[in-house]
Amino acid sequence: MTKNLVTEDGIELTPELIAKMADEAENGFPNSILERAEGRPWEHDPKSQKS
């Protein structure tokens, strides 16, 4: 039995997408701009932050 993986916002994580994301990570995210974040950003709700 195969399990469908779906993100919280409804994106299906296919084997092809997972392989693409792994390849990008292994290559250092070549088309991304990465910035340091204070603390643990995944513990904060961005919708509740003031602009």
C-alpha atoms as a PDB file:
ATOM      1  CA  MET A   1       0.000   0.000   0.000  1.00  0.00           C
ATOM      2  CA  THR A   2       1.337   3.453  -0.971  1.00  0.00           C
ATOM      3  CA  LYS A   3       0.725   6.428   1.257  1.00  0.00           C
ATOM      4  CA  ASN A   4       0.097   9.840  -0.302  1.00  0.00           C
ATOM      5  CA  LEU A   5       2.036  12.569   1.462  1.00  0.00           C
ATOM      6  CA  VAL A   6       0.376  15.988   1.400  1.00  0.00           C
ATOM      7  CA  THR A   7       1.645  19.216   2.946  1.00  0.00           C
ATOM      8  CA  GLU A   8      -0.459  21.328   5.273  1.00  0.00           C
ATOM      9  CA  ASP A   9      -1.299  23.654   2.366  1.00  0.00           C
ATOM     10  CA  GLY A  10      -2.372  20.797   0.079  1.00  0.00           C
ATOM     11  CA  ILE A  11       0.744  20.161  -2.043  1.00  0.00           C
ATOM     12  CA  GLU A  12       1.180  16.474  -2.864  1.00  0.00           C
ATOM     13  CA  LEU A  13       4.710  15.257  -2.180  1.00  0.00           C
ATOM     14  CA  THR A  14       5.349  12.910  -5.078  1.00  0.00           C
ATOM     15  CA  PRO A  15       8.535  10.829  -5.317  1.00  0.00           C
ATOM     16  CA  GLU A  16       9.659  13.145  -8.134  1.00  0.00           C
ATOM     17  CA  LEU A  17       9.159  16.288  -6.032  1.00  0.00           C
ATOM     18  CA  ILE A  18      10.955  14.738  -3.068  1.00  0.00           C
ATOM     19  CA  ALA A  19      13.889  13.766  -5.323  1.00  0.00           C
ATOM     20  CA  LYS A  20      14.009  17.326  -6.735  1.00  0.00           C
ATOM     21  CA  MET A  21      14.031  18.853  -3.241  1.00  0.00           C
ATOM     22  CA  ALA A  22      16.751  16.440  -2.101  1.00  0.00           C
ATOM     23  CA  ASP A  23      18.849  17.295  -5.168  1.00  0.00           C
ATOM     24  CA  GLU A  24      18.493  21.027  -4.459  1.00  0.00           C
ATOM     25  CA  ALA A  25      19.517  20.491  -0.824  1.00  0.00           C
ATOM     26  CA  GLU A  26      22.536  18.408  -1.806  1.00  0.00           C
ATOM     27  CA  ASN A  27      23.623  21.159  -4.206  1.00  0.00           C
ATOM     28  CA  GLY A  28      23.335  23.888  -1.550  1.00  0.00           C
ATOM     29  CA  PHE A  29      20.045  25.409  -2.776  1.00  0.00           C
ATOM     30  CA  PRO A  30      21.678  27.077  -5.818  1.00  0.00           C
ATOM     31  CA  ASN A  31      18.675  29.269  -6.769  1.00  0.00           C
ATOM     32  CA  SER A  32      17.784  30.369  -3.232  1.00  0.00           C
ATOM     33  CA  ILE A  33      18.674  33.246  -0.963  1.00  0.00           C
ATOM     34  CA  LEU A  34      19.123  31.950   2.575  1.00  0.00           C
ATOM     35  CA  GLU A  35      19.106  34.249   5.604  1.00  0.00           C
ATOM     36  CA  ARG A  36      19.799  33.584   9.270  1.00  0.00           C
ATOM     37  CA  ALA A  37      16.821  33.741  11.604  1.00  0.00           C
ATOM     38  CA  GLU A  38      16.797  34.427  15.321  1.00  0.00           C
ATOM     39  CA  GLY A  39      15.507  31.710  17.620  1.00  0.00           C
ATOM     40  CA  ARG A  40      13.371  28.959  16.170  1.00  0.00           C
ATOM     41  CA  PRO A  41      11.277  30.458  13.373  1.00  0.00           C
ATOM     42  CA  TRP A  42       9.151  27.326  13.024  1.00  0.00           C
ATOM     43  CA  GLU A  43       7.816  27.947  16.539  1.00  0.00           C
ATOM     44  CA  HIS A  44       6.364  31.354  15.588  1.00  0.00           C
ATOM     45  CA  ASP A  45       3.177  31.995  13.642  1.00  0.00           C
ATOM     46  CA  PRO A  46       4.047  34.512  10.877  1.00  0.00           C
ATOM     47  CA  LYS A  47       0.387  35.561  10.664  1.00  0.00           C
ATOM     48  CA  SER A  48       0.557  36.887  14.224  1.00  0.00           C
ATOM     49  CA  GLN A  49       3.699  38.993  13.693  1.00  0.00           C
ATOM     50  CA  LYS A  50       3.260  42.740  13.270  1.00  0.00           C
ATOM     51  CA  SER A  51       4.677  44.393  10.146  1.00  0.00           C
END
